[in-house]
Amino acid sequence: MIPTKIFFTKGVGIHKDKLASFELALRNAGIEKCNLVYVSSIFPPNAKIISKEEGLQQLKAGEVVFCVMARNDTNEPNRLISSAIGVAVPKDSNNYGYLSEHHSYGEKAEIAGEYAEDLAATMLATTLGIEFDSKQAWEEREQIYKASGHIFKTSNIVQSAEGNKDGLWTTTIAVAVLLE
């Protein structure tokens, strides 16, 4: 199976039980009715990014669904957590791209999202032979990657939350769902 479509979603859940918190995050993301199978981080050749709404309509209860998921949880009051998926799509759609997952503590959503995006773009750049200095800031490398003419698009989706003030489990997820 090579997926032909991908959509992105995110969610947060809060509950006294860790597993139930995760379930509520899945519900918030709209993917709770599926049997999720985690896969590594390849954006399939010729795959099309579709909207979350279009993707959710295609899911059936009990269906086995492949995804790349970033997940984080805490029961520490007010602890900042984030889950992010980075995306790097090559200009030549016949080539594969990358998805990256990042889970962090104490990072604001924007920082976690940029980190995940940077990670995906850097993985793609290395497979395409784009030369760059890994010590350069993400903004500088992003310009080099895009100027190379090989990388079409980079983006990210991120969910952050502060741990529940009463110590309930708080779970964040960011997910790339792969469909046939």
N, C-alpha and C. Protein backbone atom coordinates (compact mmCIF):
# COMPACT_ATOMS: atom_id res chain seq x y z
N MET A 1 0.84 -1.19 0.00
CA MET A 1 0.00 0.00 0.00
C MET A 1 0.88 1.24 0.00
N ILE A 2 0.66 2.10 -0.96
CA ILE A 2 1.32 3.42 -0.97
C ILE A 2 0.21 4.45 -0.86
N PRO A 3 0.19 5.21 0.25
CA PRO A 3 -0.87 6.20 0.43
C PRO A 3 -0.85 7.25 -0.69
N THR A 4 -2.02 7.70 -1.06
CA THR A 4 -2.15 8.73 -2.11
C THR A 4 -2.61 10.06 -1.54
N LYS A 5 -3.07 10.05 -0.29
CA LYS A 5 -3.56 11.28 0.34
C LYS A 5 -3.08 11.34 1.79
N ILE A 6 -2.90 12.57 2.25
CA ILE A 6 -2.50 12.81 3.63
C ILE A 6 -3.29 14.00 4.16
N PHE A 7 -3.73 13.88 5.41
CA PHE A 7 -4.28 15.07 6.06
C PHE A 7 -3.67 15.18 7.45
N PHE A 8 -3.76 16.38 8.00
CA PHE A 8 -3.15 16.67 9.28
C PHE A 8 -4.22 17.08 10.28
N THR A 9 -4.03 16.64 11.51
CA THR A 9 -4.97 16.98 12.57
C THR A 9 -4.21 17.07 13.89
N LYS A 10 -4.86 17.62 14.89
CA LYS A 10 -4.24 17.76 16.19
C LYS A 10 -5.31 17.76 17.26
N GLY A 11 -4.90 17.51 18.51
CA GLY A 11 -5.88 17.50 19.58
C GLY A 11 -5.24 17.55 20.94
N VAL A 12 -6.08 17.83 21.93
CA VAL A 12 -5.66 17.84 23.32
C VAL A 12 -6.74 17.18 24.16
N GLY A 13 -6.33 16.44 25.17
CA GLY A 13 -7.28 15.78 26.06
C GLY A 13 -6.83 15.91 27.51
N ILE A 14 -7.80 15.98 28.41
CA ILE A 14 -7.51 16.10 29.84
C ILE A 14 -8.41 15.14 30.59
N HIS A 15 -7.79 14.32 31.47
CA HIS A 15 -8.56 13.33 32.24
C HIS A 15 -7.71 12.85 33.41
N LYS A 16 -8.34 12.24 34.41
CA LYS A 16 -7.59 11.72 35.56
C LYS A 16 -6.74 10.51 35.19
N ASP A 17 -7.12 9.79 34.15
CA ASP A 17 -6.36 8.63 33.68
C ASP A 17 -5.58 9.00 32.42
N LYS A 18 -4.33 8.56 32.37
CA LYS A 18 -3.47 8.87 31.23
C LYS A 18 -4.05 8.37 29.91
N LEU A 19 -4.50 7.11 29.89
CA LEU A 19 -5.06 6.55 28.66
C LEU A 19 -6.32 7.28 28.22
N ALA A 20 -7.17 7.63 29.16
CA ALA A 20 -8.39 8.36 28.82
C ALA A 20 -8.06 9.76 28.30
N SER A 21 -7.01 10.35 28.82
CA SER A 21 -6.56 11.65 28.32
C SER A 21 -6.15 11.54 26.85
N PHE A 22 -5.43 10.47 26.52
CA PHE A 22 -5.04 10.21 25.13
C PHE A 22 -6.28 10.01 24.25
N GLU A 23 -7.23 9.23 24.73
CA GLU A 23 -8.48 9.00 23.99
C GLU A 23 -9.19 10.33 23.70
N LEU A 24 -9.22 11.21 24.69
CA LEU A 24 -9.89 12.51 24.50
C LEU A 24 -9.12 13.38 23.49
N ALA A 25 -7.80 13.25 23.46
CA ALA A 25 -7.02 13.97 22.45
C ALA A 25 -7.34 13.43 21.06
N LEU A 26 -7.48 12.10 20.95
CA LEU A 26 -7.87 11.50 19.66
C LEU A 26 -9.25 11.99 19.24
N ARG A 27 -10.18 12.06 20.18
CA ARG A 27 -11.52 12.58 19.87
C ARG A 27 -11.46 14.02 19.41
N ASN A 28 -10.66 14.82 20.11
CA ASN A 28 -10.52 16.22 19.75
C ASN A 28 -9.96 16.36 18.33
N ALA A 29 -9.10 15.42 17.94
CA ALA A 29 -8.51 15.42 16.60
C ALA A 29 -9.44 14.79 15.56
N GLY A 30 -10.47 14.07 16.03
CA GLY A 30 -11.43 13.46 15.12
C GLY A 30 -11.07 12.07 14.62
N ILE A 31 -10.06 11.43 15.23
CA ILE A 31 -9.59 10.14 14.71
C ILE A 31 -9.74 9.01 15.72
N GLU A 32 -10.59 9.18 16.71
CA GLU A 32 -10.74 8.19 17.78
C GLU A 32 -11.36 6.89 17.33
N LYS A 33 -12.09 6.88 16.23
CA LYS A 33 -12.81 5.67 15.83
C LYS A 33 -11.95 4.70 15.01
N CYS A 34 -10.68 5.06 14.79
CA CYS A 34 -9.80 4.24 13.96
C CYS A 34 -8.79 3.47 14.79
N ASN A 35 -8.33 2.36 14.23
CA ASN A 35 -7.21 1.62 14.78
C ASN A 35 -5.95 2.18 14.15
N LEU A 36 -5.21 2.92 14.92
CA LEU A 36 -4.06 3.65 14.39
C LEU A 36 -2.79 2.79 14.43
N VAL A 37 -2.07 2.80 13.33
CA VAL A 37 -0.80 2.10 13.21
C VAL A 37 0.26 3.16 12.93
N TYR A 38 1.22 3.27 13.83
CA TYR A 38 2.27 4.27 13.67
C TYR A 38 3.29 3.80 12.63
N VAL A 39 3.64 4.69 11.74
CA VAL A 39 4.66 4.40 10.73
C VAL A 39 5.75 5.46 10.83
N SER A 40 6.87 5.19 10.17
CA SER A 40 7.96 6.16 10.19
C SER A 40 7.62 7.34 9.29
N SER A 41 8.59 8.11 8.95
CA SER A 41 8.34 9.48 8.53
C SER A 41 8.51 9.79 7.04
N ILE A 42 8.01 8.95 6.17
CA ILE A 42 8.12 9.21 4.74
C ILE A 42 6.82 9.78 4.19
N PHE A 43 6.93 10.92 3.51
CA PHE A 43 5.81 11.49 2.77
C PHE A 43 5.82 10.80 1.40
N PRO A 44 4.81 9.98 1.10
CA PRO A 44 4.86 9.15 -0.11
C PRO A 44 4.93 9.95 -1.42
N PRO A 45 5.62 9.41 -2.42
CA PRO A 45 5.64 10.06 -3.73
C PRO A 45 4.21 10.25 -4.25
N ASN A 46 3.97 11.36 -4.88
CA ASN A 46 2.70 11.69 -5.53
C ASN A 46 1.51 11.78 -4.58
N ALA A 47 1.75 11.82 -3.29
CA ALA A 47 0.64 11.96 -2.33
C ALA A 47 0.15 13.41 -2.35
N LYS A 48 -1.15 13.54 -2.16
CA LYS A 48 -1.79 14.85 -2.17
C LYS A 48 -2.23 15.20 -0.75
N ILE A 49 -1.94 16.42 -0.32
CA ILE A 49 -2.41 16.89 0.98
C ILE A 49 -3.86 17.33 0.82
N ILE A 50 -4.73 16.76 1.65
CA ILE A 50 -6.15 17.13 1.62
C ILE A 50 -6.52 17.78 2.95
N SER A 51 -7.67 18.40 2.98
CA SER A 51 -8.10 19.07 4.21
C SER A 51 -8.47 18.04 5.28
N LYS A 52 -8.42 18.48 6.51
CA LYS A 52 -8.83 17.62 7.62
C LYS A 52 -10.27 17.17 7.43
N GLU A 53 -11.13 18.08 7.04
CA GLU A 53 -12.54 17.75 6.85
C GLU A 53 -12.73 16.66 5.80
N GLU A 54 -12.05 16.80 4.68
CA GLU A 54 -12.15 15.80 3.61
C GLU A 54 -11.59 14.45 4.09
N GLY A 55 -10.48 14.49 4.81
CA GLY A 55 -9.88 13.26 5.30
C GLY A 55 -10.75 12.55 6.32
N LEU A 56 -11.32 13.30 7.27
CA LEU A 56 -12.17 12.69 8.29
C LEU A 56 -13.39 12.01 7.68
N GLN A 57 -13.92 12.59 6.60
CA GLN A 57 -15.08 12.00 5.93
C GLN A 57 -14.76 10.63 5.33
N GLN A 58 -13.50 10.38 5.03
CA GLN A 58 -13.12 9.12 4.40
C GLN A 58 -12.87 7.99 5.41
N LEU A 59 -12.79 8.32 6.69
CA LEU A 59 -12.50 7.31 7.71
C LEU A 59 -13.76 6.56 8.12
N LYS A 60 -13.58 5.27 8.36
CA LYS A 60 -14.68 4.41 8.81
C LYS A 60 -14.34 3.84 10.18
N ALA A 61 -15.35 3.68 11.02
CA ALA A 61 -15.14 3.14 12.36
C ALA A 61 -14.47 1.77 12.28
N GLY A 62 -13.43 1.58 13.07
CA GLY A 62 -12.72 0.31 13.11
C GLY A 62 -11.65 0.15 12.05
N GLU A 63 -11.57 1.06 11.12
CA GLU A 63 -10.60 0.97 10.03
C GLU A 63 -9.18 1.04 10.58
N VAL A 64 -8.27 0.25 9.99
CA VAL A 64 -6.86 0.35 10.31
C VAL A 64 -6.30 1.51 9.49
N VAL A 65 -5.73 2.47 10.19
CA VAL A 65 -5.26 3.70 9.55
C VAL A 65 -3.80 3.94 9.92
N PHE A 66 -2.98 4.18 8.92
CA PHE A 66 -1.57 4.47 9.15
C PHE A 66 -1.40 5.95 9.43
N CYS A 67 -0.48 6.26 10.36
CA CYS A 67 -0.26 7.66 10.69
C CYS A 67 1.15 7.86 11.24
N VAL A 68 1.59 9.10 11.17
CA VAL A 68 2.78 9.55 11.88
C VAL A 68 2.25 10.44 12.99
N MET A 69 2.58 10.09 14.24
CA MET A 69 2.01 10.81 15.37
C MET A 69 3.09 11.32 16.32
N ALA A 70 2.94 12.57 16.72
CA ALA A 70 3.71 13.13 17.82
C ALA A 70 2.76 13.19 19.01
N ARG A 71 3.22 12.70 20.17
CA ARG A 71 2.35 12.64 21.35
C ARG A 71 3.16 13.02 22.58
N ASN A 72 2.55 13.79 23.45
CA ASN A 72 3.20 14.14 24.70
C ASN A 72 2.13 14.22 25.78
N ASP A 73 2.53 13.95 27.01
CA ASP A 73 1.56 14.06 28.10
C ASP A 73 2.27 14.40 29.39
N THR A 74 1.49 14.96 30.31
CA THR A 74 2.01 15.32 31.62
C THR A 74 0.87 15.34 32.63
N ASN A 75 1.22 15.11 33.87
CA ASN A 75 0.25 15.34 34.95
C ASN A 75 0.80 16.38 35.93
N GLU A 76 1.81 17.10 35.47
CA GLU A 76 2.39 18.19 36.27
C GLU A 76 1.60 19.46 36.01
N PRO A 77 1.04 20.07 37.03
CA PRO A 77 0.27 21.30 36.84
C PRO A 77 1.10 22.38 36.13
N ASN A 78 0.47 22.99 35.14
CA ASN A 78 1.02 24.12 34.39
C ASN A 78 2.27 23.82 33.56
N ARG A 79 2.69 22.57 33.45
CA ARG A 79 3.85 22.25 32.62
C ARG A 79 3.47 22.35 31.15
N LEU A 80 4.22 23.12 30.39
CA LEU A 80 3.94 23.32 28.97
C LEU A 80 4.45 22.11 28.18
N ILE A 81 3.56 21.52 27.38
CA ILE A 81 3.93 20.41 26.50
C ILE A 81 3.50 20.73 25.08
N SER A 82 4.21 20.16 24.13
CA SER A 82 3.89 20.36 22.72
C SER A 82 4.12 19.08 21.94
N SER A 83 3.33 18.90 20.90
CA SER A 83 3.49 17.81 19.94
C SER A 83 3.41 18.43 18.56
N ALA A 84 4.38 18.12 17.70
CA ALA A 84 4.42 18.75 16.38
C ALA A 84 4.81 17.74 15.31
N ILE A 85 4.25 17.95 14.13
CA ILE A 85 4.63 17.20 12.93
C ILE A 85 5.17 18.22 11.93
N GLY A 86 6.36 17.95 11.41
CA GLY A 86 6.94 18.78 10.36
C GLY A 86 6.76 18.08 9.02
N VAL A 87 6.66 18.87 7.97
CA VAL A 87 6.41 18.35 6.63
C VAL A 87 7.40 18.99 5.66
N ALA A 88 8.00 18.18 4.80
CA ALA A 88 8.85 18.68 3.72
C ALA A 88 8.51 17.89 2.45
N VAL A 89 7.99 18.60 1.47
CA VAL A 89 7.53 17.98 0.22
C VAL A 89 8.46 18.39 -0.91
N PRO A 90 8.99 17.42 -1.66
CA PRO A 90 9.89 17.76 -2.77
C PRO A 90 9.13 18.38 -3.95
N LYS A 91 9.84 19.19 -4.72
CA LYS A 91 9.24 19.81 -5.90
C LYS A 91 8.81 18.74 -6.91
N ASP A 92 9.64 17.73 -7.09
CA ASP A 92 9.31 16.62 -7.99
C ASP A 92 8.44 15.63 -7.20
N SER A 93 7.17 15.62 -7.49
CA SER A 93 6.24 14.78 -6.72
C SER A 93 6.49 13.28 -6.89
N ASN A 94 7.33 12.90 -7.84
CA ASN A 94 7.70 11.49 -7.99
C ASN A 94 8.70 11.04 -6.92
N ASN A 95 9.29 12.00 -6.22
CA ASN A 95 10.21 11.70 -5.13
C ASN A 95 9.44 11.70 -3.82
N TYR A 96 10.00 11.06 -2.82
CA TYR A 96 9.37 11.06 -1.51
C TYR A 96 9.85 12.27 -0.70
N GLY A 97 9.05 12.64 0.26
CA GLY A 97 9.40 13.71 1.18
C GLY A 97 9.52 13.16 2.58
N TYR A 98 9.46 14.05 3.55
CA TYR A 98 9.60 13.64 4.94
C TYR A 98 8.55 14.26 5.84
N LEU A 99 8.19 13.48 6.84
CA LEU A 99 7.37 13.92 7.96
C LEU A 99 8.24 13.71 9.19
N SER A 100 8.20 14.62 10.12
CA SER A 100 8.97 14.43 11.35
C SER A 100 8.07 14.67 12.55
N GLU A 101 8.33 13.96 13.62
CA GLU A 101 7.55 14.18 14.83
C GLU A 101 8.47 14.72 15.92
N HIS A 102 7.92 15.65 16.69
CA HIS A 102 8.69 16.29 17.76
C HIS A 102 7.77 16.44 18.96
N HIS A 103 8.26 16.06 20.13
CA HIS A 103 7.50 16.16 21.37
C HIS A 103 8.40 16.91 22.35
N SER A 104 7.89 17.97 22.94
CA SER A 104 8.77 18.77 23.80
C SER A 104 8.07 19.25 25.06
N TYR A 105 8.90 19.60 26.02
CA TYR A 105 8.45 20.21 27.26
C TYR A 105 9.01 21.63 27.31
N GLY A 106 8.18 22.56 27.73
CA GLY A 106 8.64 23.93 27.92
C GLY A 106 8.81 24.75 26.66
N GLU A 107 8.44 24.22 25.51
CA GLU A 107 8.54 24.96 24.25
C GLU A 107 7.17 25.47 23.84
N LYS A 108 7.12 26.73 23.45
CA LYS A 108 5.87 27.27 22.91
C LYS A 108 5.59 26.60 21.57
N ALA A 109 4.34 26.64 21.16
CA ALA A 109 3.91 25.97 19.93
C ALA A 109 4.73 26.39 18.72
N GLU A 110 4.97 27.67 18.58
CA GLU A 110 5.70 28.17 17.41
C GLU A 110 7.11 27.56 17.33
N ILE A 111 7.78 27.49 18.45
CA ILE A 111 9.14 26.94 18.48
C ILE A 111 9.12 25.44 18.18
N ALA A 112 8.19 24.71 18.79
CA ALA A 112 8.09 23.27 18.54
C ALA A 112 7.76 23.00 17.07
N GLY A 113 6.84 23.77 16.51
CA GLY A 113 6.47 23.60 15.11
C GLY A 113 7.62 23.86 14.17
N GLU A 114 8.36 24.94 14.43
CA GLU A 114 9.51 25.27 13.58
C GLU A 114 10.59 24.19 13.68
N TYR A 115 10.78 23.65 14.88
CA TYR A 115 11.78 22.60 15.06
C TYR A 115 11.41 21.37 14.22
N ALA A 116 10.14 20.96 14.29
CA ALA A 116 9.69 19.80 13.51
C ALA A 116 9.81 20.05 12.02
N GLU A 117 9.45 21.25 11.58
CA GLU A 117 9.55 21.61 10.17
C GLU A 117 11.01 21.59 9.72
N ASP A 118 11.89 22.14 10.52
CA ASP A 118 13.32 22.15 10.24
C ASP A 118 13.85 20.73 10.11
N LEU A 119 13.44 19.86 11.03
CA LEU A 119 13.89 18.48 11.01
C LEU A 119 13.48 17.78 9.71
N ALA A 120 12.22 17.93 9.31
CA ALA A 120 11.74 17.31 8.07
C ALA A 120 12.48 17.87 6.86
N ALA A 121 12.63 19.19 6.82
CA ALA A 121 13.31 19.83 5.68
C ALA A 121 14.77 19.41 5.60
N THR A 122 15.42 19.30 6.74
CA THR A 122 16.83 18.90 6.75
C THR A 122 16.99 17.45 6.28
N MET A 123 16.08 16.56 6.71
CA MET A 123 16.14 15.18 6.25
C MET A 123 15.96 15.12 4.73
N LEU A 124 15.02 15.90 4.20
CA LEU A 124 14.80 15.90 2.76
C LEU A 124 16.01 16.50 2.04
N ALA A 125 16.53 17.58 2.55
CA ALA A 125 17.67 18.24 1.91
C ALA A 125 18.87 17.29 1.82
N THR A 126 19.10 16.50 2.87
CA THR A 126 20.25 15.60 2.83
C THR A 126 20.05 14.49 1.79
N THR A 127 18.82 14.02 1.61
CA THR A 127 18.59 12.98 0.59
C THR A 127 18.66 13.55 -0.82
N LEU A 128 18.40 14.84 -0.98
CA LEU A 128 18.45 15.47 -2.30
C LEU A 128 19.83 16.01 -2.64
N GLY A 129 20.76 15.93 -1.69
CA GLY A 129 22.12 16.40 -1.93
C GLY A 129 22.27 17.91 -1.87
N ILE A 130 21.36 18.60 -1.22
CA ILE A 130 21.45 20.05 -1.07
C ILE A 130 22.51 20.35 -0.02
N GLU A 131 23.48 21.15 -0.39
CA GLU A 131 24.55 21.48 0.55
C GLU A 131 24.13 22.64 1.44
N PHE A 132 24.43 22.51 2.73
CA PHE A 132 24.09 23.55 3.69
C PHE A 132 24.97 23.40 4.91
N ASP A 133 25.02 24.45 5.71
CA ASP A 133 25.77 24.44 6.96
C ASP A 133 24.78 24.16 8.08
N SER A 134 24.92 23.04 8.74
CA SER A 134 23.97 22.64 9.78
C SER A 134 23.99 23.59 10.98
N LYS A 135 25.01 24.43 11.07
CA LYS A 135 25.08 25.39 12.17
C LYS A 135 24.27 26.65 11.90
N GLN A 136 23.82 26.82 10.65
CA GLN A 136 23.02 28.00 10.32
C GLN A 136 21.65 27.90 10.98
N ALA A 137 21.06 29.04 11.25
CA ALA A 137 19.71 29.08 11.83
C ALA A 137 18.72 28.52 10.82
N TRP A 138 17.59 28.01 11.33
CA TRP A 138 16.54 27.43 10.49
C TRP A 138 16.12 28.39 9.39
N GLU A 139 15.93 29.66 9.71
CA GLU A 139 15.46 30.63 8.72
C GLU A 139 16.43 30.73 7.54
N GLU A 140 17.74 30.66 7.83
CA GLU A 140 18.74 30.73 6.76
C GLU A 140 18.73 29.45 5.92
N ARG A 141 18.68 28.30 6.61
CA ARG A 141 18.66 27.03 5.88
C ARG A 141 17.37 26.89 5.07
N GLU A 142 16.26 27.37 5.61
CA GLU A 142 14.99 27.30 4.89
C GLU A 142 15.11 28.01 3.54
N GLN A 143 15.76 29.17 3.53
CA GLN A 143 15.95 29.91 2.29
C GLN A 143 16.84 29.13 1.31
N ILE A 144 17.87 28.50 1.83
CA ILE A 144 18.76 27.70 0.98
C ILE A 144 17.99 26.52 0.39
N TYR A 145 17.22 25.84 1.23
CA TYR A 145 16.45 24.68 0.77
C TYR A 145 15.49 25.09 -0.35
N LYS A 146 14.76 26.15 -0.13
CA LYS A 146 13.76 26.58 -1.12
C LYS A 146 14.42 27.13 -2.38
N ALA A 147 15.55 27.81 -2.21
CA ALA A 147 16.27 28.36 -3.37
C ALA A 147 16.88 27.25 -4.22
N SER A 148 17.08 26.08 -3.65
CA SER A 148 17.68 24.97 -4.39
C SER A 148 16.80 24.52 -5.55
N GLY A 149 15.50 24.82 -5.46
CA GLY A 149 14.58 24.39 -6.49
C GLY A 149 14.11 22.95 -6.33
N HIS A 150 14.56 22.28 -5.27
CA HIS A 150 14.20 20.88 -5.06
C HIS A 150 13.09 20.68 -4.03
N ILE A 151 12.93 21.66 -3.14
CA ILE A 151 11.93 21.53 -2.09
C ILE A 151 10.77 22.47 -2.39
N PHE A 152 9.59 21.88 -2.52
CA PHE A 152 8.40 22.63 -2.90
C PHE A 152 7.77 23.34 -1.70
N LYS A 153 7.63 22.60 -0.60
CA LYS A 153 6.87 23.12 0.51
C LYS A 153 7.36 22.54 1.82
N THR A 154 7.41 23.40 2.85
CA THR A 154 7.62 22.93 4.21
C THR A 154 6.53 23.55 5.07
N SER A 155 6.10 22.82 6.08
CA SER A 155 5.08 23.34 6.98
C SER A 155 5.09 22.51 8.26
N ASN A 156 4.22 22.86 9.18
CA ASN A 156 4.11 22.09 10.41
C ASN A 156 2.71 22.22 10.98
N ILE A 157 2.36 21.29 11.83
CA ILE A 157 1.13 21.36 12.61
C ILE A 157 1.55 21.04 14.04
N VAL A 158 1.03 21.82 14.97
CA VAL A 158 1.47 21.66 16.36
C VAL A 158 0.30 21.85 17.31
N GLN A 159 0.34 21.09 18.39
CA GLN A 159 -0.64 21.25 19.48
C GLN A 159 0.16 21.42 20.77
N SER A 160 -0.11 22.49 21.48
CA SER A 160 0.53 22.66 22.79
C SER A 160 -0.55 22.87 23.83
N ALA A 161 -0.20 22.64 25.08
CA ALA A 161 -1.13 22.84 26.19
C ALA A 161 -0.33 22.92 27.47
N GLU A 162 -0.92 23.55 28.45
CA GLU A 162 -0.34 23.55 29.79
C GLU A 162 -0.98 22.42 30.58
N GLY A 163 -0.17 21.75 31.38
CA GLY A 163 -0.70 20.68 32.23
C GLY A 163 -1.84 21.22 33.09
N ASN A 164 -2.87 20.40 33.25
CA ASN A 164 -4.05 20.78 34.03
C ASN A 164 -3.63 21.26 35.42
N LYS A 165 -4.22 22.36 35.85
CA LYS A 165 -3.84 22.98 37.13
C LYS A 165 -4.10 22.07 38.33
N ASP A 166 -5.00 21.10 38.18
CA ASP A 166 -5.32 20.18 39.28
C ASP A 166 -4.57 18.86 39.19
N GLY A 167 -3.61 18.76 38.26
CA GLY A 167 -2.79 17.55 38.15
C GLY A 167 -3.43 16.43 37.36
N LEU A 168 -4.50 16.71 36.62
CA LEU A 168 -5.06 15.70 35.73
C LEU A 168 -4.10 15.49 34.56
N TRP A 169 -4.16 14.33 33.94
CA TRP A 169 -3.32 14.07 32.77
C TRP A 169 -3.76 14.96 31.61
N THR A 170 -2.78 15.59 30.97
CA THR A 170 -3.00 16.41 29.78
C THR A 170 -2.18 15.79 28.67
N THR A 171 -2.82 15.50 27.54
CA THR A 171 -2.15 14.89 26.39
C THR A 171 -2.32 15.76 25.17
N THR A 172 -1.23 15.96 24.43
CA THR A 172 -1.29 16.65 23.15
C THR A 172 -0.87 15.68 22.06
N ILE A 173 -1.51 15.81 20.89
CA ILE A 173 -1.12 15.02 19.72
C ILE A 173 -1.13 15.91 18.48
N ALA A 174 -0.24 15.60 17.56
CA ALA A 174 -0.24 16.16 16.21
C ALA A 174 -0.07 14.94 15.31
N VAL A 175 -0.88 14.85 14.24
CA VAL A 175 -0.93 13.61 13.47
C VAL A 175 -0.99 13.88 11.97
N ALA A 176 -0.22 13.11 11.22
CA ALA A 176 -0.34 13.04 9.76
C ALA A 176 -1.02 11.71 9.48
N VAL A 177 -2.20 11.75 8.89
CA VAL A 177 -2.97 10.54 8.60
C VAL A 177 -2.80 10.23 7.11
N LEU A 178 -2.37 8.99 6.83
CA LEU A 178 -2.11 8.55 5.46
C LEU A 178 -3.27 7.69 4.95
N LEU A 179 -3.79 8.06 3.79
CA LEU A 179 -4.94 7.35 3.21
C LEU A 179 -4.62 6.84 1.82
N GLU A 180 -5.32 5.75 1.43
CA GLU A 180 -5.17 5.22 0.07
C GLU A 180 -5.99 6.03 -0.91
